[in-house]
Amino acid sequence: MSEPTTTERLERLLKQEREALLKGDFNRIESLVEEKQDLVKQLREHDARRETLLPLRAGLRRNQELFDQALAGIRNVAARLGDLSRARKSTQTYDSLGRKLSIQAPEKRKLERKA
């Protein structure tokens, strides 16, 4: 059995990367990125033919779109958590004259128990 070509190795890696992206396994994605960069570098050094690279391009594009969507989701969650944190501290409202008011939430005091 012959050694897989660089193209075949990259195809396999792209499938693994897609699976990791769909599962949200960012630790796995991180380890695959270095390997992917090495394989792409090898392809460039060997002047791979365009016909060989076309199927890889589609896989790379598809995974990049998944990665972009994952990042957008993470940013949305971070923004929402920030909004919730600000809402716990104060709320913005308007009075009867249309002036903006900020209502501060009372500080939470911890009760200390003594034996």
PDB file of N, CA and C in Angstrom:
ATOM      1  N   MET A   1       0.850  -1.180   0.000  1.00  0.00           N
ATOM      2  CA  MET A   1       0.000   0.000   0.000  1.00  0.00           C
ATOM      3  C   MET A   1       0.894   1.241   0.000  1.00  0.00           C
ATOM      4  N   SER A   2       0.595   2.190  -0.844  1.00  0.00           N
ATOM      5  CA  SER A   2       1.445   3.369  -0.988  1.00  0.00           C
ATOM      6  C   SER A   2       1.085   4.445   0.031  1.00  0.00           C
ATOM      7  N   GLU A   3       2.030   5.298   0.264  1.00  0.00           N
ATOM      8  CA  GLU A   3       1.869   6.448   1.164  1.00  0.00           C
ATOM      9  C   GLU A   3       0.851   7.413   0.556  1.00  0.00           C
ATOM     10  N   PRO A   4      -0.087   7.963   1.371  1.00  0.00           N
ATOM     11  CA  PRO A   4      -1.057   8.917   0.806  1.00  0.00           C
ATOM     12  C   PRO A   4      -0.339  10.179   0.310  1.00  0.00           C
ATOM     13  N   THR A   5      -0.870  10.745  -0.755  1.00  0.00           N
ATOM     14  CA  THR A   5      -0.306  11.978  -1.306  1.00  0.00           C
ATOM     15  C   THR A   5      -0.643  13.148  -0.390  1.00  0.00           C
ATOM     16  N   THR A   6       0.036  14.257  -0.620  1.00  0.00           N
ATOM     17  CA  THR A   6      -0.239  15.466   0.161  1.00  0.00           C
ATOM     18  C   THR A   6      -1.693  15.892  -0.022  1.00  0.00           C
ATOM     19  N   THR A   7      -2.185  15.781  -1.234  1.00  0.00           N
ATOM     20  CA  THR A   7      -3.566  16.147  -1.535  1.00  0.00           C
ATOM     21  C   THR A   7      -4.542  15.261  -0.760  1.00  0.00           C
ATOM     22  N   GLU A   8      -4.276  13.962  -0.744  1.00  0.00           N
ATOM     23  CA  GLU A   8      -5.143  13.040  -0.007  1.00  0.00           C
ATOM     24  C   GLU A   8      -5.104  13.320   1.495  1.00  0.00           C
ATOM     25  N   ARG A   9      -3.926  13.612   2.004  1.00  0.00           N
ATOM     26  CA  ARG A   9      -3.794  13.932   3.429  1.00  0.00           C
ATOM     27  C   ARG A   9      -4.571  15.204   3.765  1.00  0.00           C
ATOM     28  N   LEU A  10      -4.485  16.201   2.875  1.00  0.00           N
ATOM     29  CA  LEU A  10      -5.209  17.444   3.102  1.00  0.00           C
ATOM     30  C   LEU A  10      -6.720  17.224   3.024  1.00  0.00           C
ATOM     31  N   GLU A  11      -7.158  16.387   2.091  1.00  0.00           N
ATOM     32  CA  GLU A  11      -8.600  16.070   2.000  1.00  0.00           C
ATOM     33  C   GLU A  11      -9.082  15.441   3.298  1.00  0.00           C
ATOM     34  N   ARG A  12      -8.328  14.493   3.822  1.00  0.00           N
ATOM     35  CA  ARG A  12      -8.687  13.831   5.074  1.00  0.00           C
ATOM     36  C   ARG A  12      -8.723  14.841   6.227  1.00  0.00           C
ATOM     37  N   LEU A  13      -7.737  15.714   6.263  1.00  0.00           N
ATOM     38  CA  LEU A  13      -7.657  16.719   7.312  1.00  0.00           C
ATOM     39  C   LEU A  13      -8.852  17.666   7.243  1.00  0.00           C
ATOM     40  N   LEU A  14      -9.257  18.061   6.026  1.00  0.00           N
ATOM     41  CA  LEU A  14     -10.410  18.956   5.876  1.00  0.00           C
ATOM     42  C   LEU A  14     -11.688  18.304   6.394  1.00  0.00           C
ATOM     43  N   LYS A  15     -11.825  16.999   6.194  1.00  0.00           N
ATOM     44  CA  LYS A  15     -12.991  16.284   6.726  1.00  0.00           C
ATOM     45  C   LYS A  15     -12.960  16.280   8.253  1.00  0.00           C
ATOM     46  N   GLN A  16     -11.777  16.061   8.826  1.00  0.00           N
ATOM     47  CA  GLN A  16     -11.644  16.078  10.285  1.00  0.00           C
ATOM     48  C   GLN A  16     -11.943  17.476  10.833  1.00  0.00           C
ATOM     49  N   GLU A  17     -11.470  18.489  10.121  1.00  0.00           N
ATOM     50  CA  GLU A  17     -11.704  19.863  10.547  1.00  0.00           C
ATOM     51  C   GLU A  17     -13.193  20.188  10.504  1.00  0.00           C
ATOM     52  N   ARG A  18     -13.879  19.738   9.454  1.00  0.00           N
ATOM     53  CA  ARG A  18     -15.320  19.969   9.336  1.00  0.00           C
ATOM     54  C   ARG A  18     -16.064  19.334  10.503  1.00  0.00           C
ATOM     55  N   GLU A  19     -15.708  18.091  10.823  1.00  0.00           N
ATOM     56  CA  GLU A  19     -16.345  17.398  11.942  1.00  0.00           C
ATOM     57  C   GLU A  19     -16.109  18.151  13.256  1.00  0.00           C
ATOM     58  N   ALA A  20     -14.886  18.622  13.452  1.00  0.00           N
ATOM     59  CA  ALA A  20     -14.561  19.366  14.677  1.00  0.00           C
ATOM     60  C   ALA A  20     -15.340  20.677  14.733  1.00  0.00           C
ATOM     61  N   LEU A  21     -15.475  21.353  13.588  1.00  0.00           N
ATOM     62  CA  LEU A  21     -16.246  22.602  13.548  1.00  0.00           C
ATOM     63  C   LEU A  21     -17.710  22.358  13.874  1.00  0.00           C
ATOM     64  N   LEU A  22     -18.277  21.294  13.327  1.00  0.00           N
ATOM     65  CA  LEU A  22     -19.686  20.985  13.581  1.00  0.00           C
ATOM     66  C   LEU A  22     -19.931  20.601  15.039  1.00  0.00           C
ATOM     67  N   LYS A  23     -18.932  20.002  15.671  1.00  0.00           N
ATOM     68  CA  LYS A  23     -19.054  19.616  17.079  1.00  0.00           C
ATOM     69  C   LYS A  23     -18.670  20.752  18.027  1.00  0.00           C
ATOM     70  N   GLY A  24     -18.032  21.795  17.490  1.00  0.00           N
ATOM     71  CA  GLY A  24     -17.559  22.881  18.343  1.00  0.00           C
ATOM     72  C   GLY A  24     -16.321  22.499  19.129  1.00  0.00           C
ATOM     73  N   ASP A  25     -15.538  21.558  18.607  1.00  0.00           N
ATOM     74  CA  ASP A  25     -14.324  21.079  19.270  1.00  0.00           C
ATOM     75  C   ASP A  25     -13.146  21.973  18.882  1.00  0.00           C
ATOM     76  N   PHE A  26     -13.052  23.129  19.534  1.00  0.00           N
ATOM     77  CA  PHE A  26     -12.048  24.126  19.157  1.00  0.00           C
ATOM     78  C   PHE A  26     -10.626  23.696  19.501  1.00  0.00           C
ATOM     79  N   ASN A  27     -10.464  22.842  20.495  1.00  0.00           N
ATOM     80  CA  ASN A  27      -9.126  22.320  20.798  1.00  0.00           C
ATOM     81  C   ASN A  27      -8.610  21.469  19.638  1.00  0.00           C
ATOM     82  N   ARG A  28      -9.488  20.668  19.086  1.00  0.00           N
ATOM     83  CA  ARG A  28      -9.104  19.824  17.942  1.00  0.00           C
ATOM     84  C   ARG A  28      -8.799  20.697  16.733  1.00  0.00           C
ATOM     85  N   ILE A  29      -9.594  21.714  16.508  1.00  0.00           N
ATOM     86  CA  ILE A  29      -9.389  22.616  15.367  1.00  0.00           C
ATOM     87  C   ILE A  29      -8.020  23.263  15.460  1.00  0.00           C
ATOM     88  N   GLU A  30      -7.654  23.683  16.660  1.00  0.00           N
ATOM     89  CA  GLU A  30      -6.359  24.337  16.859  1.00  0.00           C
ATOM     90  C   GLU A  30      -5.210  23.421  16.437  1.00  0.00           C
ATOM     91  N   SER A  31      -5.309  22.146  16.785  1.00  0.00           N
ATOM     92  CA  SER A  31      -4.234  21.216  16.426  1.00  0.00           C
ATOM     93  C   SER A  31      -4.215  20.929  14.924  1.00  0.00           C
ATOM     94  N   LEU A  32      -5.373  20.990  14.293  1.00  0.00           N
ATOM     95  CA  LEU A  32      -5.441  20.720  12.854  1.00  0.00           C
ATOM     96  C   LEU A  32      -4.915  21.886  12.021  1.00  0.00           C
ATOM     97  N   VAL A  33      -5.000  23.099  12.540  1.00  0.00           N
ATOM     98  CA  VAL A  33      -4.587  24.284  11.776  1.00  0.00           C
ATOM     99  C   VAL A  33      -3.109  24.210  11.395  1.00  0.00           C
ATOM    100  N   GLU A  34      -2.248  23.843  12.337  1.00  0.00           N
ATOM    101  CA  GLU A  34      -0.817  23.752  12.042  1.00  0.00           C
ATOM    102  C   GLU A  34      -0.548  22.711  10.969  1.00  0.00           C
ATOM    103  N   GLU A  35      -1.182  21.573  11.106  1.00  0.00           N
ATOM    104  CA  GLU A  35      -0.998  20.504  10.125  1.00  0.00           C
ATOM    105  C   GLU A  35      -1.493  20.950   8.750  1.00  0.00           C
ATOM    106  N   LYS A  36      -2.614  21.647   8.725  1.00  0.00           N
ATOM    107  CA  LYS A  36      -3.164  22.142   7.459  1.00  0.00           C
ATOM    108  C   LYS A  36      -2.202  23.132   6.807  1.00  0.00           C
ATOM    109  N   GLN A  37      -1.634  24.018   7.603  1.00  0.00           N
ATOM    110  CA  GLN A  37      -0.684  24.988   7.065  1.00  0.00           C
ATOM    111  C   GLN A  37       0.535  24.293   6.456  1.00  0.00           C
ATOM    112  N   ASP A  38       1.020  23.259   7.120  1.00  0.00           N
ATOM    113  CA  ASP A  38       2.163  22.506   6.597  1.00  0.00           C
ATOM    114  C   ASP A  38       1.829  21.836   5.263  1.00  0.00           C
ATOM    115  N   LEU A  39       0.645  21.237   5.183  1.00  0.00           N
ATOM    116  CA  LEU A  39       0.245  20.566   3.951  1.00  0.00           C
ATOM    117  C   LEU A  39       0.062  21.557   2.799  1.00  0.00           C
ATOM    118  N   VAL A  40      -0.531  22.702   3.090  1.00  0.00           N
ATOM    119  CA  VAL A  40      -0.706  23.727   2.058  1.00  0.00           C
ATOM    120  C   VAL A  40       0.657  24.223   1.580  1.00  0.00           C
ATOM    121  N   LYS A  41       1.574  24.392   2.510  1.00  0.00           N
ATOM    122  CA  LYS A  41       2.933  24.813   2.158  1.00  0.00           C
ATOM    123  C   LYS A  41       3.588  23.782   1.240  1.00  0.00           C
ATOM    124  N   GLN A  42       3.418  22.512   1.549  1.00  0.00           N
ATOM    125  CA  GLN A  42       3.974  21.451   0.709  1.00  0.00           C
ATOM    126  C   GLN A  42       3.388  21.494  -0.696  1.00  0.00           C
ATOM    127  N   LEU A  43       2.092  21.731  -0.785  1.00  0.00           N
ATOM    128  CA  LEU A  43       1.453  21.809  -2.099  1.00  0.00           C
ATOM    129  C   LEU A  43       2.019  22.983  -2.902  1.00  0.00           C
ATOM    130  N   ARG A  44       2.227  24.101  -2.258  1.00  0.00           N
ATOM    131  CA  ARG A  44       2.792  25.272  -2.946  1.00  0.00           C
ATOM    132  C   ARG A  44       4.201  25.000  -3.434  1.00  0.00           C
ATOM    133  N   GLU A  45       4.989  24.336  -2.596  1.00  0.00           N
ATOM    134  CA  GLU A  45       6.383  24.047  -2.952  1.00  0.00           C
ATOM    135  C   GLU A  45       6.476  23.086  -4.140  1.00  0.00           C
ATOM    136  N   HIS A  46       5.509  22.228  -4.261  1.00  0.00           N
ATOM    137  CA  HIS A  46       5.531  21.242  -5.345  1.00  0.00           C
ATOM    138  C   HIS A  46       4.712  21.685  -6.557  1.00  0.00           C
ATOM    139  N   ASP A  47       4.281  22.934  -6.560  1.00  0.00           N
ATOM    140  CA  ASP A  47       3.505  23.478  -7.683  1.00  0.00           C
ATOM    141  C   ASP A  47       2.398  22.514  -8.130  1.00  0.00           C
ATOM    142  N   ALA A  48       1.507  22.225  -7.212  1.00  0.00           N
ATOM    143  CA  ALA A  48       0.401  21.313  -7.507  1.00  0.00           C
ATOM    144  C   ALA A  48      -0.440  21.844  -8.662  1.00  0.00           C
ATOM    145  N   ARG A  49      -0.964  20.922  -9.450  1.00  0.00           N
ATOM    146  CA  ARG A  49      -1.773  21.319 -10.609  1.00  0.00           C
ATOM    147  C   ARG A  49      -3.135  21.828 -10.157  1.00  0.00           C
ATOM    148  N   ARG A  50      -3.661  22.717 -10.957  1.00  0.00           N
ATOM    149  CA  ARG A  50      -4.940  23.348 -10.642  1.00  0.00           C
ATOM    150  C   ARG A  50      -6.061  22.315 -10.515  1.00  0.00           C
ATOM    151  N   GLU A  51      -6.082  21.325 -11.378  1.00  0.00           N
ATOM    152  CA  GLU A  51      -7.136  20.293 -11.335  1.00  0.00           C
ATOM    153  C   GLU A  51      -7.116  19.545 -10.007  1.00  0.00           C
ATOM    154  N   THR A  52      -5.931  19.401  -9.460  1.00  0.00           N
ATOM    155  CA  THR A  52      -5.786  18.698  -8.185  1.00  0.00           C
ATOM    156  C   THR A  52      -6.303  19.544  -7.032  1.00  0.00           C
ATOM    157  N   LEU A  53      -6.151  20.852  -7.160  1.00  0.00           N
ATOM    158  CA  LEU A  53      -6.500  21.755  -6.069  1.00  0.00           C
ATOM    159  C   LEU A  53      -7.972  22.164  -6.031  1.00  0.00           C
ATOM    160  N   LEU A  54      -8.680  22.049  -7.154  1.00  0.00           N
ATOM    161  CA  LEU A  54     -10.080  22.502  -7.193  1.00  0.00           C
ATOM    162  C   LEU A  54     -10.968  21.836  -6.145  1.00  0.00           C
ATOM    163  N   PRO A  55     -10.928  20.506  -5.995  1.00  0.00           N
ATOM    164  CA  PRO A  55     -11.775  19.906  -4.945  1.00  0.00           C
ATOM    165  C   PRO A  55     -11.375  20.373  -3.541  1.00  0.00           C
ATOM    166  N   LEU A  56     -10.096  20.619  -3.333  1.00  0.00           N
ATOM    167  CA  LEU A  56      -9.624  21.091  -2.028  1.00  0.00           C
ATOM    168  C   LEU A  56     -10.126  22.498  -1.743  1.00  0.00           C
ATOM    169  N   ARG A  57     -10.176  23.310  -2.784  1.00  0.00           N
ATOM    170  CA  ARG A  57     -10.635  24.691  -2.623  1.00  0.00           C
ATOM    171  C   ARG A  57     -12.061  24.727  -2.072  1.00  0.00           C
ATOM    172  N   ALA A  58     -12.913  23.842  -2.594  1.00  0.00           N
ATOM    173  CA  ALA A  58     -14.303  23.799  -2.118  1.00  0.00           C
ATOM    174  C   ALA A  58     -14.347  23.417  -0.638  1.00  0.00           C
ATOM    175  N   GLY A  59     -13.546  22.436  -0.242  1.00  0.00           N
ATOM    176  CA  GLY A  59     -13.503  22.021   1.163  1.00  0.00           C
ATOM    177  C   GLY A  59     -12.961  23.119   2.062  1.00  0.00           C
ATOM    178  N   LEU A  60     -11.926  23.806   1.591  1.00  0.00           N
ATOM    179  CA  LEU A  60     -11.365  24.913   2.361  1.00  0.00           C
ATOM    180  C   LEU A  60     -12.386  26.031   2.533  1.00  0.00           C
ATOM    181  N   ARG A  61     -13.094  26.354   1.479  1.00  0.00           N
ATOM    182  CA  ARG A  61     -14.099  27.416   1.529  1.00  0.00           C
ATOM    183  C   ARG A  61     -15.238  27.036   2.470  1.00  0.00           C
ATOM    184  N   ARG A  62     -15.697  25.803   2.357  1.00  0.00           N
ATOM    185  CA  ARG A  62     -16.796  25.330   3.206  1.00  0.00           C
ATOM    186  C   ARG A  62     -16.405  25.406   4.680  1.00  0.00           C
ATOM    187  N   ASN A  63     -15.200  24.960   5.009  1.00  0.00           N
ATOM    188  CA  ASN A  63     -14.751  24.995   6.394  1.00  0.00           C
ATOM    189  C   ASN A  63     -14.548  26.422   6.885  1.00  0.00           C
ATOM    190  N   GLN A  64     -14.082  27.301   6.006  1.00  0.00           N
ATOM    191  CA  GLN A  64     -13.911  28.699   6.399  1.00  0.00           C
ATOM    192  C   GLN A  64     -15.261  29.328   6.733  1.00  0.00           C
ATOM    193  N   GLU A  65     -16.289  28.989   5.957  1.00  0.00           N
ATOM    194  CA  GLU A  65     -17.634  29.503   6.238  1.00  0.00           C
ATOM    195  C   GLU A  65     -18.141  28.992   7.584  1.00  0.00           C
ATOM    196  N   LEU A  66     -17.899  27.710   7.869  1.00  0.00           N
ATOM    197  CA  LEU A  66     -18.296  27.148   9.169  1.00  0.00           C
ATOM    198  C   LEU A  66     -17.551  27.837  10.309  1.00  0.00           C
ATOM    199  N   PHE A  67     -16.259  28.063  10.093  1.00  0.00           N
ATOM    200  CA  PHE A  67     -15.451  28.731  11.109  1.00  0.00           C
ATOM    201  C   PHE A  67     -15.959  30.147  11.352  1.00  0.00           C
ATOM    202  N   ASP A  68     -16.262  30.869  10.278  1.00  0.00           N
ATOM    203  CA  ASP A  68     -16.792  32.233  10.405  1.00  0.00           C
ATOM    204  C   ASP A  68     -18.118  32.235  11.168  1.00  0.00           C
ATOM    205  N   GLN A  69     -18.971  31.251  10.886  1.00  0.00           N
ATOM    206  CA  GLN A  69     -20.258  31.167  11.584  1.00  0.00           C
ATOM    207  C   GLN A  69     -20.059  30.847  13.064  1.00  0.00           C
ATOM    208  N   ALA A  70     -19.099  29.976  13.355  1.00  0.00           N
ATOM    209  CA  ALA A  70     -18.812  29.642  14.753  1.00  0.00           C
ATOM    210  C   ALA A  70     -18.321  30.881  15.504  1.00  0.00           C
ATOM    211  N   LEU A  71     -17.430  31.644  14.869  1.00  0.00           N
ATOM    212  CA  LEU A  71     -16.936  32.874  15.498  1.00  0.00           C
ATOM    213  C   LEU A  71     -18.060  33.884  15.707  1.00  0.00           C
ATOM    214  N   ALA A  72     -18.935  34.005  14.736  1.00  0.00           N
ATOM    215  CA  ALA A  72     -20.073  34.926  14.868  1.00  0.00           C
ATOM    216  C   ALA A  72     -20.952  34.496  16.046  1.00  0.00           C
ATOM    217  N   GLY A  73     -21.159  33.201  16.189  1.00  0.00           N
ATOM    218  CA  GLY A  73     -21.947  32.696  17.310  1.00  0.00           C
ATOM    219  C   GLY A  73     -21.299  33.010  18.652  1.00  0.00           C
ATOM    220  N   ILE A  74     -19.986  32.843  18.715  1.00  0.00           N
ATOM    221  CA  ILE A  74     -19.262  33.142  19.950  1.00  0.00           C
ATOM    222  C   ILE A  74     -19.355  34.633  20.268  1.00  0.00           C
ATOM    223  N   ARG A  75     -19.220  35.462  19.247  1.00  0.00           N
ATOM    224  CA  ARG A  75     -19.337  36.913  19.467  1.00  0.00           C
ATOM    225  C   ARG A  75     -20.734  37.284  19.945  1.00  0.00           C
ATOM    226  N   ASN A  76     -21.762  36.650  19.381  1.00  0.00           N
ATOM    227  CA  ASN A  76     -23.138  36.925  19.811  1.00  0.00           C
ATOM    228  C   ASN A  76     -23.352  36.540  21.267  1.00  0.00           C
ATOM    229  N   VAL A  77     -22.821  35.397  21.650  1.00  0.00           N
ATOM    230  CA  VAL A  77     -22.956  34.951  23.043  1.00  0.00           C
ATOM    231  C   VAL A  77     -22.233  35.925  23.971  1.00  0.00           C
ATOM    232  N   ALA A  78     -21.022  36.336  23.594  1.00  0.00           N
ATOM    233  CA  ALA A  78     -20.265  37.279  24.423  1.00  0.00           C
ATOM    234  C   ALA A  78     -21.014  38.608  24.557  1.00  0.00           C
ATOM    235  N   ALA A  79     -21.588  39.080  23.463  1.00  0.00           N
ATOM    236  CA  ALA A  79     -22.348  40.336  23.508  1.00  0.00           C
ATOM    237  C   ALA A  79     -23.575  40.188  24.394  1.00  0.00           C
ATOM    238  N   ARG A  80     -24.260  39.070  24.287  1.00  0.00           N
ATOM    239  CA  ARG A  80     -25.460  38.838  25.097  1.00  0.00           C
ATOM    240  C   ARG A  80     -25.111  38.759  26.580  1.00  0.00           C
ATOM    241  N   LEU A  81     -24.012  38.071  26.890  1.00  0.00           N
ATOM    242  CA  LEU A  81     -23.586  37.986  28.288  1.00  0.00           C
ATOM    243  C   LEU A  81     -23.225  39.370  28.829  1.00  0.00           C
ATOM    244  N   GLY A  82     -22.602  40.189  27.987  1.00  0.00           N
ATOM    245  CA  GLY A  82     -22.294  41.558  28.384  1.00  0.00           C
ATOM    246  C   GLY A  82     -23.556  42.362  28.649  1.00  0.00           C
ATOM    247  N   ASP A  83     -24.555  42.204  27.773  1.00  0.00           N
ATOM    248  CA  ASP A  83     -25.836  42.895  27.963  1.00  0.00           C
ATOM    249  C   ASP A  83     -26.498  42.471  29.271  1.00  0.00           C
ATOM    250  N   LEU A  84     -26.487  41.187  29.541  1.00  0.00           N
ATOM    251  CA  LEU A  84     -27.097  40.686  30.777  1.00  0.00           C
ATOM    252  C   LEU A  84     -26.367  41.206  32.011  1.00  0.00           C
ATOM    253  N   SER A  85     -25.059  41.268  31.920  1.00  0.00           N
ATOM    254  CA  SER A  85     -24.276  41.778  33.043  1.00  0.00           C
ATOM    255  C   SER A  85     -24.593  43.249  33.296  1.00  0.00           C
ATOM    256  N   ARG A  86     -24.677  44.039  32.243  1.00  0.00           N
ATOM    257  CA  ARG A  86     -25.019  45.463  32.389  1.00  0.00           C
ATOM    258  C   ARG A  86     -26.436  45.631  32.924  1.00  0.00           C
ATOM    259  N   ALA A  87     -27.359  44.777  32.479  1.00  0.00           N
ATOM    260  CA  ALA A  87     -28.754  44.883  32.929  1.00  0.00           C
ATOM    261  C   ALA A  87     -28.883  44.576  34.415  1.00  0.00           C
ATOM    262  N   ARG A  88     -28.009  43.713  34.928  1.00  0.00           N
ATOM    263  CA  ARG A  88     -28.048  43.405  36.356  1.00  0.00           C
ATOM    264  C   ARG A  88     -27.576  44.585  37.189  1.00  0.00           C
ATOM    265  N   LYS A  89     -26.708  45.402  36.614  1.00  0.00           N
ATOM    266  CA  LYS A  89     -26.154  46.537  37.364  1.00  0.00           C
ATOM    267  C   LYS A  89     -27.056  47.757  37.308  1.00  0.00           C
ATOM    268  N   SER A  90     -27.658  48.006  36.145  1.00  0.00           N
ATOM    269  CA  SER A  90     -28.555  49.154  36.021  1.00  0.00           C
ATOM    270  C   SER A  90     -29.473  48.962  34.821  1.00  0.00           C
ATOM    271  N   THR A  91     -30.569  49.722  34.836  1.00  0.00           N
ATOM    272  CA  THR A  91     -31.538  49.680  33.744  1.00  0.00           C
ATOM    273  C   THR A  91     -31.772  51.103  33.254  1.00  0.00           C
ATOM    274  N   GLN A  92     -31.863  51.261  31.952  1.00  0.00           N
ATOM    275  CA  GLN A  92     -32.143  52.567  31.365  1.00  0.00           C
ATOM    276  C   GLN A  92     -33.646  52.673  31.089  1.00  0.00           C
ATOM    277  N   THR A  93     -34.215  53.802  31.430  1.00  0.00           N
ATOM    278  CA  THR A  93     -35.642  54.044  31.188  1.00  0.00           C
ATOM    279  C   THR A  93     -35.845  55.543  30.959  1.00  0.00           C
ATOM    280  N   TYR A  94     -37.080  55.957  30.762  1.00  0.00           N
ATOM    281  CA  TYR A  94     -37.391  57.373  30.529  1.00  0.00           C
ATOM    282  C   TYR A  94     -38.483  57.818  31.510  1.00  0.00           C
ATOM    283  N   ASP A  95     -38.391  59.070  31.947  1.00  0.00           N
ATOM    284  CA  ASP A  95     -39.418  59.590  32.844  1.00  0.00           C
ATOM    285  C   ASP A  95     -40.591  60.136  32.023  1.00  0.00           C
ATOM    286  N   SER A  96     -41.581  60.719  32.711  1.00  0.00           N
ATOM    287  CA  SER A  96     -42.788  61.204  32.040  1.00  0.00           C
ATOM    288  C   SER A  96     -42.508  62.367  31.085  1.00  0.00           C
ATOM    289  N   LEU A  97     -41.361  63.031  31.228  1.00  0.00           N
ATOM    290  CA  LEU A  97     -40.993  64.138  30.338  1.00  0.00           C
ATOM    291  C   LEU A  97     -40.060  63.678  29.209  1.00  0.00           C
ATOM    292  N   GLY A  98     -39.797  62.393  29.159  1.00  0.00           N
ATOM    293  CA  GLY A  98     -38.951  61.863  28.090  1.00  0.00           C
ATOM    294  C   GLY A  98     -37.467  61.924  28.380  1.00  0.00           C
ATOM    295  N   ARG A  99     -37.103  62.243  29.618  1.00  0.00           N
ATOM    296  CA  ARG A  99     -35.695  62.298  29.990  1.00  0.00           C
ATOM    297  C   ARG A  99     -35.211  60.890  30.336  1.00  0.00           C
ATOM    298  N   LYS A 100     -34.010  60.613  29.902  1.00  0.00           N
ATOM    299  CA  LYS A 100     -33.421  59.299  30.158  1.00  0.00           C
ATOM    300  C   LYS A 100     -33.005  59.181  31.616  1.00  0.00           C
ATOM    301  N   LEU A 101     -33.360  58.069  32.224  1.00  0.00           N
ATOM    302  CA  LEU A 101     -33.004  57.792  33.613  1.00  0.00           C
ATOM    303  C   LEU A 101     -32.256  56.476  33.687  1.00  0.00           C
ATOM    304  N   SER A 102     -31.371  56.409  34.619  1.00  0.00           N
ATOM    305  CA  SER A 102     -30.643  55.170  34.872  1.00  0.00           C
ATOM    306  C   SER A 102     -30.998  54.718  36.281  1.00  0.00           C
ATOM    307  N   ILE A 103     -31.524  53.545  36.412  1.00  0.00           N
ATOM    308  CA  ILE A 103     -31.896  52.988  37.712  1.00  0.00           C
ATOM    309  C   ILE A 103     -30.829  51.966  38.082  1.00  0.00           C
ATOM    310  N   GLN A 104     -30.097  52.276  39.138  1.00  0.00           N
ATOM    311  CA  GLN A 104     -29.021  51.393  39.580  1.00  0.00           C
ATOM    312  C   GLN A 104     -29.586  50.266  40.437  1.00  0.00           C
ATOM    313  N   ALA A 105     -29.097  49.080  40.208  1.00  0.00           N
ATOM    314  CA  ALA A 105     -29.511  47.941  41.022  1.00  0.00           C
ATOM    315  C   ALA A 105     -28.820  48.025  42.368  1.00  0.00           C
ATOM    316  N   PRO A 106     -29.504  47.624  43.413  1.00  0.00           N
ATOM    317  CA  PRO A 106     -28.869  47.659  44.731  1.00  0.00           C
ATOM    318  C   PRO A 106     -27.710  46.658  44.778  1.00  0.00           C
ATOM    319  N   GLU A 107     -26.680  47.024  45.529  1.00  0.00           N
ATOM    320  CA  GLU A 107     -25.551  46.113  45.674  1.00  0.00           C
ATOM    321  C   GLU A 107     -26.000  44.891  46.443  1.00  0.00           C
ATOM    322  N   LYS A 108     -25.520  43.760  45.999  1.00  0.00           N
ATOM    323  CA  LYS A 108     -25.837  42.529  46.728  1.00  0.00           C
ATOM    324  C   LYS A 108     -24.900  42.418  47.902  1.00  0.00           C
ATOM    325  N   ARG A 109     -25.491  42.249  49.037  1.00  0.00           N
ATOM    326  CA  ARG A 109     -24.674  42.092  50.238  1.00  0.00           C
ATOM    327  C   ARG A 109     -24.685  40.620  50.622  1.00  0.00           C
ATOM    328  N   LYS A 110     -23.527  40.182  50.989  1.00  0.00           N
ATOM    329  CA  LYS A 110     -23.405  38.793  51.388  1.00  0.00           C
ATOM    330  C   LYS A 110     -23.638  38.685  52.894  1.00  0.00           C
ATOM    331  N   LEU A 111     -24.387  37.717  53.259  1.00  0.00           N
ATOM    332  CA  LEU A 111     -24.633  37.462  54.663  1.00  0.00           C
ATOM    333  C   LEU A 111     -23.565  36.539  55.184  1.00  0.00           C
ATOM    334  N   GLU A 112     -22.931  36.961  56.249  1.00  0.00           N
ATOM    335  CA  GLU A 112     -21.882  36.143  56.822  1.00  0.00           C
ATOM    336  C   GLU A 112     -22.424  35.445  58.060  1.00  0.00           C
ATOM    337  N   ARG A 113     -22.254  34.161  58.079  1.00  0.00           N
ATOM    338  CA  ARG A 113     -22.724  33.393  59.228  1.00  0.00           C
ATOM    339  C   ARG A 113     -21.582  33.165  60.198  1.00  0.00           C
ATOM    340  N   LYS A 114     -21.887  33.343  61.456  1.00  0.00           N
ATOM    341  CA  LYS A 114     -20.889  33.082  62.495  1.00  0.00           C
ATOM    342  C   LYS A 114     -21.428  31.978  63.387  1.00  0.00           C
ATOM    343  N   ALA A 115     -20.529  31.129  63.768  1.00  0.00           N
ATOM    344  CA  ALA A 115     -20.930  29.986  64.598  1.00  0.00           C
ATOM    345  C   ALA A 115     -21.055  30.370  66.046  1.00  0.00           C
TER     346      ALA A 115
END
